[in-house]
Amino acid sequence: MIYIKTNKEEKLCYRWEEVHNYTFSPEVEIIAITDFKVRGKTYQEKQLSLRDQAILWSYADFPLSWGEAVWIANYFYKNGKRYGLLKEFKENGIC
């Protein structure tokens, strides 16, 4: 799943092809994008990557289906536990 925020809308895409439709439109400016994948070589880099995704996601403001909401909450719960951010995520309503 890929979260994309443009100057016109916010959306969850399921394939990169959907995201590419936005990149070829001259009137659409991409503000933020994440593919919900933890990146980095070290534990600290991965932790920072996940925290940055959570911060970006906390500003998202659009309706989700139940399935999308559960998928994203599970993603942040599982990885928050793995990288020591679960308490922080729970306190901030991320998962």
PDB file of N, CA and C in Angstrom:
ATOM      1  N   MET A   1       0.844  -1.163   0.000  1.00  0.00           N
ATOM      2  CA  MET A   1       0.000   0.000   0.000  1.00  0.00           C
ATOM      3  C   MET A   1       0.898   1.236   0.000  1.00  0.00           C
ATOM      4  N   ILE A   2       0.498   2.237  -0.740  1.00  0.00           N
ATOM      5  CA  ILE A   2       1.288   3.452  -0.897  1.00  0.00           C
ATOM      6  C   ILE A   2       0.397   4.655  -0.574  1.00  0.00           C
ATOM      7  N   TYR A   3       0.855   5.497   0.336  1.00  0.00           N
ATOM      8  CA  TYR A   3       0.134   6.712   0.683  1.00  0.00           C
ATOM      9  C   TYR A   3       0.715   7.850  -0.129  1.00  0.00           C
ATOM     10  N   ILE A   4      -0.156   8.611  -0.788  1.00  0.00           N
ATOM     11  CA  ILE A   4       0.290   9.754  -1.583  1.00  0.00           C
ATOM     12  C   ILE A   4      -0.565  10.971  -1.214  1.00  0.00           C
ATOM     13  N   LYS A   5       0.106  12.089  -1.014  1.00  0.00           N
ATOM     14  CA  LYS A   5      -0.577  13.354  -0.729  1.00  0.00           C
ATOM     15  C   LYS A   5      -0.158  14.342  -1.804  1.00  0.00           C
ATOM     16  N   THR A   6      -1.131  14.911  -2.481  1.00  0.00           N
ATOM     17  CA  THR A   6      -0.862  15.907  -3.518  1.00  0.00           C
ATOM     18  C   THR A   6      -1.526  17.217  -3.125  1.00  0.00           C
ATOM     19  N   ASN A   7      -1.330  18.223  -3.946  1.00  0.00           N
ATOM     20  CA  ASN A   7      -1.975  19.505  -3.689  1.00  0.00           C
ATOM     21  C   ASN A   7      -3.485  19.438  -3.907  1.00  0.00           C
ATOM     22  N   LYS A   8      -3.994  18.335  -4.469  1.00  0.00           N
ATOM     23  CA  LYS A   8      -5.419  18.201  -4.735  1.00  0.00           C
ATOM     24  C   LYS A   8      -6.122  17.174  -3.857  1.00  0.00           C
ATOM     25  N   GLU A   9      -5.406  16.108  -3.442  1.00  0.00           N
ATOM     26  CA  GLU A   9      -6.058  15.063  -2.662  1.00  0.00           C
ATOM     27  C   GLU A   9      -5.047  14.184  -1.933  1.00  0.00           C
ATOM     28  N   GLU A  10      -5.575  13.348  -1.055  1.00  0.00           N
ATOM     29  CA  GLU A  10      -4.797  12.313  -0.380  1.00  0.00           C
ATOM     30  C   GLU A  10      -5.410  10.982  -0.780  1.00  0.00           C
ATOM     31  N   LYS A  11      -4.556   9.968  -0.920  1.00  0.00           N
ATOM     32  CA  LYS A  11      -5.071   8.702  -1.421  1.00  0.00           C
ATOM     33  C   LYS A  11      -4.150   7.559  -1.024  1.00  0.00           C
ATOM     34  N   LEU A  12      -4.746   6.388  -0.848  1.00  0.00           N
ATOM     35  CA  LEU A  12      -3.975   5.159  -0.707  1.00  0.00           C
ATOM     36  C   LEU A  12      -4.039   4.435  -2.045  1.00  0.00           C
ATOM     37  N   CYS A  13      -2.882   4.078  -2.554  1.00  0.00           N
ATOM     38  CA  CYS A  13      -2.798   3.339  -3.812  1.00  0.00           C
ATOM     39  C   CYS A  13      -2.299   1.933  -3.503  1.00  0.00           C
ATOM     40  N   TYR A  14      -2.693   1.002  -4.322  1.00  0.00           N
ATOM     41  CA  TYR A  14      -2.303  -0.388  -4.092  1.00  0.00           C
ATOM     42  C   TYR A  14      -1.181  -0.848  -5.014  1.00  0.00           C
ATOM     43  N   ARG A  15      -0.915  -0.086  -6.060  1.00  0.00           N
ATOM     44  CA  ARG A  15       0.163  -0.429  -6.992  1.00  0.00           C
ATOM     45  C   ARG A  15       0.881   0.862  -7.385  1.00  0.00           C
ATOM     46  N   TRP A  16       2.160   0.741  -7.732  1.00  0.00           N
ATOM     47  CA  TRP A  16       2.935   1.914  -8.143  1.00  0.00           C
ATOM     48  C   TRP A  16       2.397   2.512  -9.431  1.00  0.00           C
ATOM     49  N   GLU A  17       1.731   1.722 -10.261  1.00  0.00           N
ATOM     50  CA  GLU A  17       1.161   2.255 -11.501  1.00  0.00           C
ATOM     51  C   GLU A  17       0.134   3.344 -11.209  1.00  0.00           C
ATOM     52  N   GLU A  18      -0.618   3.183 -10.125  1.00  0.00           N
ATOM     53  CA  GLU A  18      -1.584   4.206  -9.734  1.00  0.00           C
ATOM     54  C   GLU A  18      -0.881   5.504  -9.345  1.00  0.00           C
ATOM     55  N   VAL A  19       0.259   5.395  -8.698  1.00  0.00           N
ATOM     56  CA  VAL A  19       1.031   6.570  -8.291  1.00  0.00           C
ATOM     57  C   VAL A  19       1.584   7.286  -9.517  1.00  0.00           C
ATOM     58  N   HIS A  20       2.026   6.533 -10.496  1.00  0.00           N
ATOM     59  CA  HIS A  20       2.596   7.138 -11.703  1.00  0.00           C
ATOM     60  C   HIS A  20       1.580   7.984 -12.461  1.00  0.00           C
ATOM     61  N   ASN A  21       0.304   7.696 -12.318  1.00  0.00           N
ATOM     62  CA  ASN A  21      -0.718   8.519 -12.959  1.00  0.00           C
ATOM     63  C   ASN A  21      -0.654   9.960 -12.461  1.00  0.00           C
ATOM     64  N   TYR A  22      -0.257  10.139 -11.210  1.00  0.00           N
ATOM     65  CA  TYR A  22      -0.140  11.487 -10.654  1.00  0.00           C
ATOM     66  C   TYR A  22       1.116  12.204 -11.145  1.00  0.00           C
ATOM     67  N   THR A  23       2.181  11.473 -11.347  1.00  0.00           N
ATOM     68  CA  THR A  23       3.446  12.112 -11.688  1.00  0.00           C
ATOM     69  C   THR A  23       3.442  12.688 -13.095  1.00  0.00           C
ATOM     70  N   PHE A  24       2.552  12.243 -13.948  1.00  0.00           N
ATOM     71  CA  PHE A  24       2.522  12.734 -15.325  1.00  0.00           C
ATOM     72  C   PHE A  24       1.512  13.849 -15.536  1.00  0.00           C
ATOM     73  N   SER A  25       0.855  14.264 -14.491  1.00  0.00           N
ATOM     74  CA  SER A  25      -0.113  15.342 -14.592  1.00  0.00           C
ATOM     75  C   SER A  25       0.559  16.648 -14.169  1.00  0.00           C
ATOM     76  N   PRO A  26       0.642  17.642 -15.070  1.00  0.00           N
ATOM     77  CA  PRO A  26       1.379  18.871 -14.754  1.00  0.00           C
ATOM     78  C   PRO A  26       0.732  19.727 -13.660  1.00  0.00           C
ATOM     79  N   GLU A  27      -0.579  19.626 -13.460  1.00  0.00           N
ATOM     80  CA  GLU A  27      -1.232  20.465 -12.461  1.00  0.00           C
ATOM     81  C   GLU A  27      -1.208  19.856 -11.058  1.00  0.00           C
ATOM     82  N   VAL A  28      -0.707  18.637 -10.929  1.00  0.00           N
ATOM     83  CA  VAL A  28      -0.662  17.966  -9.625  1.00  0.00           C
ATOM     84  C   VAL A  28       0.757  18.010  -9.073  1.00  0.00           C
ATOM     85  N   GLU A  29       0.871  18.499  -7.854  1.00  0.00           N
ATOM     86  CA  GLU A  29       2.164  18.546  -7.172  1.00  0.00           C
ATOM     87  C   GLU A  29       2.150  17.523  -6.031  1.00  0.00           C
ATOM     88  N   ILE A  30       3.092  16.612  -6.033  1.00  0.00           N
ATOM     89  CA  ILE A  30       3.172  15.611  -4.983  1.00  0.00           C
ATOM     90  C   ILE A  30       3.839  16.237  -3.767  1.00  0.00           C
ATOM     91  N   ILE A  31       3.159  16.183  -2.637  1.00  0.00           N
ATOM     92  CA  ILE A  31       3.657  16.764  -1.399  1.00  0.00           C
ATOM     93  C   ILE A  31       4.373  15.707  -0.564  1.00  0.00           C
ATOM     94  N   ALA A  32       3.769  14.522  -0.453  1.00  0.00           N
ATOM     95  CA  ALA A  32       4.358  13.451   0.352  1.00  0.00           C
ATOM     96  C   ALA A  32       3.976  12.104  -0.231  1.00  0.00           C
ATOM     97  N   ILE A  33       4.867  11.130  -0.029  1.00  0.00           N
ATOM     98  CA  ILE A  33       4.602   9.783  -0.498  1.00  0.00           C
ATOM     99  C   ILE A  33       5.378   8.792   0.374  1.00  0.00           C
ATOM    100  N   THR A  34       4.732   7.699   0.727  1.00  0.00           N
ATOM    101  CA  THR A  34       5.412   6.628   1.454  1.00  0.00           C
ATOM    102  C   THR A  34       4.801   5.296   1.048  1.00  0.00           C
ATOM    103  N   ASP A  35       5.639   4.283   0.998  1.00  0.00           N
ATOM    104  CA  ASP A  35       5.153   2.955   0.610  1.00  0.00           C
ATOM    105  C   ASP A  35       5.096   1.999   1.796  1.00  0.00           C
ATOM    106  N   PHE A  36       5.113   2.546   3.014  1.00  0.00           N
ATOM    107  CA  PHE A  36       5.023   1.738   4.229  1.00  0.00           C
ATOM    108  C   PHE A  36       6.052   0.611   4.211  1.00  0.00           C
ATOM    109  N   LYS A  37       7.295   0.994   4.041  1.00  0.00           N
ATOM    110  CA  LYS A  37       8.404   0.061   4.097  1.00  0.00           C
ATOM    111  C   LYS A  37       9.497   0.693   4.951  1.00  0.00           C
ATOM    112  N   VAL A  38       9.950  -0.049   5.946  1.00  0.00           N
ATOM    113  CA  VAL A  38      10.997   0.453   6.831  1.00  0.00           C
ATOM    114  C   VAL A  38      12.321   0.391   6.081  1.00  0.00           C
ATOM    115  N   ARG A  39      13.038   1.510   6.052  1.00  0.00           N
ATOM    116  CA  ARG A  39      14.294   1.581   5.326  1.00  0.00           C
ATOM    117  C   ARG A  39      15.437   1.913   6.279  1.00  0.00           C
ATOM    118  N   GLY A  40      16.638   1.531   5.880  1.00  0.00           N
ATOM    119  CA  GLY A  40      17.824   1.825   6.663  1.00  0.00           C
ATOM    120  C   GLY A  40      18.683   0.598   6.834  1.00  0.00           C
ATOM    121  N   LYS A  41      19.959   0.854   7.166  1.00  0.00           N
ATOM    122  CA  LYS A  41      20.898  -0.246   7.371  1.00  0.00           C
ATOM    123  C   LYS A  41      21.020  -0.617   8.838  1.00  0.00           C
ATOM    124  N   THR A  42      21.003   0.380   9.707  1.00  0.00           N
ATOM    125  CA  THR A  42      21.162   0.122  11.134  1.00  0.00           C
ATOM    126  C   THR A  42      19.802   0.184  11.829  1.00  0.00           C
ATOM    127  N   TYR A  43      19.777  -0.304  13.048  1.00  0.00           N
ATOM    128  CA  TYR A  43      18.563  -0.265  13.864  1.00  0.00           C
ATOM    129  C   TYR A  43      18.069   1.172  14.023  1.00  0.00           C
ATOM    130  N   GLN A  44      18.982   2.100  14.293  1.00  0.00           N
ATOM    131  CA  GLN A  44      18.604   3.497  14.488  1.00  0.00           C
ATOM    132  C   GLN A  44      18.032   4.122  13.210  1.00  0.00           C
ATOM    133  N   GLU A  45      18.619   3.798  12.064  1.00  0.00           N
ATOM    134  CA  GLU A  45      18.103   4.313  10.792  1.00  0.00           C
ATOM    135  C   GLU A  45      16.703   3.776  10.519  1.00  0.00           C
ATOM    136  N   LYS A  46      16.489   2.499  10.807  1.00  0.00           N
ATOM    137  CA  LYS A  46      15.172   1.895  10.602  1.00  0.00           C
ATOM    138  C   LYS A  46      14.152   2.494  11.564  1.00  0.00           C
ATOM    139  N   GLN A  47      14.565   2.725  12.794  1.00  0.00           N
ATOM    140  CA  GLN A  47      13.685   3.332  13.783  1.00  0.00           C
ATOM    141  C   GLN A  47      13.283   4.750  13.338  1.00  0.00           C
ATOM    142  N   LEU A  48      14.240   5.515  12.869  1.00  0.00           N
ATOM    143  CA  LEU A  48      13.963   6.874  12.390  1.00  0.00           C
ATOM    144  C   LEU A  48      13.054   6.852  11.162  1.00  0.00           C
ATOM    145  N   SER A  49      13.281   5.907  10.264  1.00  0.00           N
ATOM    146  CA  SER A  49      12.438   5.758   9.073  1.00  0.00           C
ATOM    147  C   SER A  49      10.992   5.489   9.469  1.00  0.00           C
ATOM    148  N   LEU A  50      10.801   4.585  10.404  1.00  0.00           N
ATOM    149  CA  LEU A  50       9.449   4.251  10.855  1.00  0.00           C
ATOM    150  C   LEU A  50       8.803   5.431  11.567  1.00  0.00           C
ATOM    151  N   ARG A  51       9.561   6.135  12.390  1.00  0.00           N
ATOM    152  CA  ARG A  51       9.024   7.310  13.085  1.00  0.00           C
ATOM    153  C   ARG A  51       8.607   8.385  12.076  1.00  0.00           C
ATOM    154  N   ASP A  52       9.426   8.599  11.042  1.00  0.00           N
ATOM    155  CA  ASP A  52       9.085   9.582  10.003  1.00  0.00           C
ATOM    156  C   ASP A  52       7.797   9.202   9.279  1.00  0.00           C
ATOM    157  N   GLN A  53       7.617   7.912   9.004  1.00  0.00           N
ATOM    158  CA  GLN A  53       6.383   7.457   8.363  1.00  0.00           C
ATOM    159  C   GLN A  53       5.183   7.712   9.274  1.00  0.00           C
ATOM    160  N   ALA A  54       5.348   7.447  10.559  1.00  0.00           N
ATOM    161  CA  ALA A  54       4.256   7.661  11.505  1.00  0.00           C
ATOM    162  C   ALA A  54       3.892   9.143  11.593  1.00  0.00           C
ATOM    163  N   ILE A  55       4.881  10.004  11.573  1.00  0.00           N
ATOM    164  CA  ILE A  55       4.617  11.445  11.604  1.00  0.00           C
ATOM    165  C   ILE A  55       3.863  11.867  10.352  1.00  0.00           C
ATOM    166  N   LEU A  56       4.328  11.412   9.202  1.00  0.00           N
ATOM    167  CA  LEU A  56       3.637  11.718   7.950  1.00  0.00           C
ATOM    168  C   LEU A  56       2.204  11.207   7.992  1.00  0.00           C
ATOM    169  N   TRP A  57       2.035   9.972   8.456  1.00  0.00           N
ATOM    170  CA  TRP A  57       0.710   9.376   8.488  1.00  0.00           C
ATOM    171  C   TRP A  57      -0.206  10.099   9.474  1.00  0.00           C
ATOM    172  N   SER A  58       0.342  10.642  10.554  1.00  0.00           N
ATOM    173  CA  SER A  58      -0.491  11.319  11.547  1.00  0.00           C
ATOM    174  C   SER A  58      -1.160  12.575  10.983  1.00  0.00           C
ATOM    175  N   TYR A  59      -0.624  13.121   9.907  1.00  0.00           N
ATOM    176  CA  TYR A  59      -1.220  14.297   9.273  1.00  0.00           C
ATOM    177  C   TYR A  59      -2.228  13.937   8.191  1.00  0.00           C
ATOM    178  N   ALA A  60      -2.361  12.662   7.882  1.00  0.00           N
ATOM    179  CA  ALA A  60      -3.319  12.239   6.856  1.00  0.00           C
ATOM    180  C   ALA A  60      -4.734  12.524   7.339  1.00  0.00           C
ATOM    181  N   ASP A  61      -5.559  12.994   6.434  1.00  0.00           N
ATOM    182  CA  ASP A  61      -6.922  13.367   6.796  1.00  0.00           C
ATOM    183  C   ASP A  61      -7.862  13.035   5.645  1.00  0.00           C
ATOM    184  N   PHE A  62      -8.197  11.759   5.525  1.00  0.00           N
ATOM    185  CA  PHE A  62      -9.147  11.332   4.517  1.00  0.00           C
ATOM    186  C   PHE A  62      -9.782  10.029   4.968  1.00  0.00           C
ATOM    187  N   PRO A  63     -10.958   9.711   4.458  1.00  0.00           N
ATOM    188  CA  PRO A  63     -11.652   8.498   4.930  1.00  0.00           C
ATOM    189  C   PRO A  63     -10.959   7.220   4.463  1.00  0.00           C
ATOM    190  N   LEU A  64     -10.946   6.226   5.349  1.00  0.00           N
ATOM    191  CA  LEU A  64     -10.359   4.922   5.058  1.00  0.00           C
ATOM    192  C   LEU A  64     -11.435   3.853   5.154  1.00  0.00           C
ATOM    193  N   SER A  65     -11.244   2.772   4.417  1.00  0.00           N
ATOM    194  CA  SER A  65     -12.102   1.611   4.625  1.00  0.00           C
ATOM    195  C   SER A  65     -11.628   0.918   5.900  1.00  0.00           C
ATOM    196  N   TRP A  66     -12.443   0.037   6.436  1.00  0.00           N
ATOM    197  CA  TRP A  66     -12.047  -0.701   7.636  1.00  0.00           C
ATOM    198  C   TRP A  66     -10.795  -1.526   7.365  1.00  0.00           C
ATOM    199  N   GLY A  67     -10.743  -2.138   6.196  1.00  0.00           N
ATOM    200  CA  GLY A  67      -9.585  -2.961   5.853  1.00  0.00           C
ATOM    201  C   GLY A  67      -8.301  -2.162   5.788  1.00  0.00           C
ATOM    202  N   GLU A  68      -8.363  -0.975   5.192  1.00  0.00           N
ATOM    203  CA  GLU A  68      -7.180  -0.110   5.114  1.00  0.00           C
ATOM    204  C   GLU A  68      -6.736   0.335   6.502  1.00  0.00           C
ATOM    205  N   ALA A  69      -7.701   0.715   7.338  1.00  0.00           N
ATOM    206  CA  ALA A  69      -7.377   1.167   8.696  1.00  0.00           C
ATOM    207  C   ALA A  69      -6.722   0.054   9.509  1.00  0.00           C
ATOM    208  N   VAL A  70      -7.238  -1.154   9.389  1.00  0.00           N
ATOM    209  CA  VAL A  70      -6.666  -2.289  10.120  1.00  0.00           C
ATOM    210  C   VAL A  70      -5.271  -2.607   9.603  1.00  0.00           C
ATOM    211  N   TRP A  71      -5.091  -2.601   8.293  1.00  0.00           N
ATOM    212  CA  TRP A  71      -3.779  -2.908   7.702  1.00  0.00           C
ATOM    213  C   TRP A  71      -2.726  -1.923   8.207  1.00  0.00           C
ATOM    214  N   ILE A  72      -3.048  -0.644   8.188  1.00  0.00           N
ATOM    215  CA  ILE A  72      -2.095   0.388   8.603  1.00  0.00           C
ATOM    216  C   ILE A  72      -1.825   0.318  10.110  1.00  0.00           C
ATOM    217  N   ALA A  73      -2.871   0.113  10.908  1.00  0.00           N
ATOM    218  CA  ALA A  73      -2.671  -0.016  12.357  1.00  0.00           C
ATOM    219  C   ALA A  73      -1.797  -1.228  12.677  1.00  0.00           C
ATOM    220  N   ASN A  74      -2.011  -2.334  11.989  1.00  0.00           N
ATOM    221  CA  ASN A  74      -1.183  -3.528  12.200  1.00  0.00           C
ATOM    222  C   ASN A  74       0.263  -3.290  11.780  1.00  0.00           C
ATOM    223  N   TYR A  75       0.448  -2.577  10.680  1.00  0.00           N
ATOM    224  CA  TYR A  75       1.803  -2.258  10.204  1.00  0.00           C
ATOM    225  C   TYR A  75       2.563  -1.477  11.278  1.00  0.00           C
ATOM    226  N   PHE A  76       1.939  -0.431  11.823  1.00  0.00           N
ATOM    227  CA  PHE A  76       2.616   0.386  12.830  1.00  0.00           C
ATOM    228  C   PHE A  76       2.753  -0.358  14.158  1.00  0.00           C
ATOM    229  N   TYR A  77       1.798  -1.219  14.506  1.00  0.00           N
ATOM    230  CA  TYR A  77       1.913  -2.004  15.733  1.00  0.00           C
ATOM    231  C   TYR A  77       3.083  -2.979  15.635  1.00  0.00           C
ATOM    232  N   LYS A  78       3.111  -3.753  14.558  1.00  0.00           N
ATOM    233  CA  LYS A  78       4.155  -4.771  14.390  1.00  0.00           C
ATOM    234  C   LYS A  78       5.546  -4.140  14.345  1.00  0.00           C
ATOM    235  N   ASN A  79       5.711  -3.111  13.540  1.00  0.00           N
ATOM    236  CA  ASN A  79       7.023  -2.479  13.401  1.00  0.00           C
ATOM    237  C   ASN A  79       7.360  -1.588  14.592  1.00  0.00           C
ATOM    238  N   GLY A  80       6.354  -0.988  15.203  1.00  0.00           N
ATOM    239  CA  GLY A  80       6.600  -0.206  16.410  1.00  0.00           C
ATOM    240  C   GLY A  80       7.133  -1.079  17.527  1.00  0.00           C
ATOM    241  N   LYS A  81       6.608  -2.280  17.638  1.00  0.00           N
ATOM    242  CA  LYS A  81       7.097  -3.235  18.632  1.00  0.00           C
ATOM    243  C   LYS A  81       8.525  -3.666  18.299  1.00  0.00           C
ATOM    244  N   ARG A  82       8.789  -3.906  17.039  1.00  0.00           N
ATOM    245  CA  ARG A  82      10.112  -4.360  16.592  1.00  0.00           C
ATOM    246  C   ARG A  82      11.191  -3.297  16.828  1.00  0.00           C
ATOM    247  N   TYR A  83      10.839  -2.028  16.638  1.00  0.00           N
ATOM    248  CA  TYR A  83      11.841  -0.959  16.714  1.00  0.00           C
ATOM    249  C   TYR A  83      11.684  -0.061  17.942  1.00  0.00           C
ATOM    250  N   GLY A  84      10.998  -0.548  18.966  1.00  0.00           N
ATOM    251  CA  GLY A  84      10.928   0.164  20.236  1.00  0.00           C
ATOM    252  C   GLY A  84      10.118   1.446  20.220  1.00  0.00           C
ATOM    253  N   LEU A  85       9.125   1.522  19.344  1.00  0.00           N
ATOM    254  CA  LEU A  85       8.322   2.738  19.249  1.00  0.00           C
ATOM    255  C   LEU A  85       6.858   2.509  19.608  1.00  0.00           C
ATOM    256  N   LEU A  86       6.525   1.320  20.080  1.00  0.00           N
ATOM    257  CA  LEU A  86       5.125   0.968  20.315  1.00  0.00           C
ATOM    258  C   LEU A  86       4.469   1.884  21.341  1.00  0.00           C
ATOM    259  N   LYS A  87       5.141   2.162  22.439  1.00  0.00           N
ATOM    260  CA  LYS A  87       4.571   3.046  23.463  1.00  0.00           C
ATOM    261  C   LYS A  87       4.291   4.435  22.887  1.00  0.00           C
ATOM    262  N   GLU A  88       5.252   4.949  22.149  1.00  0.00           N
ATOM    263  CA  GLU A  88       5.116   6.264  21.512  1.00  0.00           C
ATOM    264  C   GLU A  88       3.937   6.270  20.519  1.00  0.00           C
ATOM    265  N   PHE A  89       3.826   5.211  19.726  1.00  0.00           N
ATOM    266  CA  PHE A  89       2.743   5.120  18.745  1.00  0.00           C
ATOM    267  C   PHE A  89       1.379   5.046  19.430  1.00  0.00           C
ATOM    268  N   LYS A  90       1.291   4.275  20.496  1.00  0.00           N
ATOM    269  CA  LYS A  90       0.020   4.167  21.219  1.00  0.00           C
ATOM    270  C   LYS A  90      -0.361   5.508  21.844  1.00  0.00           C
ATOM    271  N   GLU A  91       0.600   6.201  22.429  1.00  0.00           N
ATOM    272  CA  GLU A  91       0.326   7.497  23.040  1.00  0.00           C
ATOM    273  C   GLU A  91      -0.152   8.523  22.026  1.00  0.00           C
ATOM    274  N   ASN A  92       0.321   8.414  20.793  1.00  0.00           N
ATOM    275  CA  ASN A  92      -0.029   9.379  19.753  1.00  0.00           C
ATOM    276  C   ASN A  92      -1.148   8.895  18.834  1.00  0.00           C
ATOM    277  N   GLY A  93      -1.757   7.760  19.161  1.00  0.00           N
ATOM    278  CA  GLY A  93      -2.902   7.267  18.391  1.00  0.00           C
ATOM    279  C   GLY A  93      -2.544   6.745  17.011  1.00  0.00           C
ATOM    280  N   ILE A  94      -1.315   6.321  16.817  1.00  0.00           N
ATOM    281  CA  ILE A  94      -0.895   5.782  15.518  1.00  0.00           C
ATOM    282  C   ILE A  94      -1.388   4.347  15.359  1.00  0.00           C
ATOM    283  N   CYS A  95      -1.342   3.585  16.445  1.00  0.00           N
ATOM    284  CA  CYS A  95      -1.852   2.203  16.393  1.00  0.00           C
ATOM    285  C   CYS A  95      -2.599   1.863  17.658  1.00  0.00           C
TER     286      CYS A  95
END
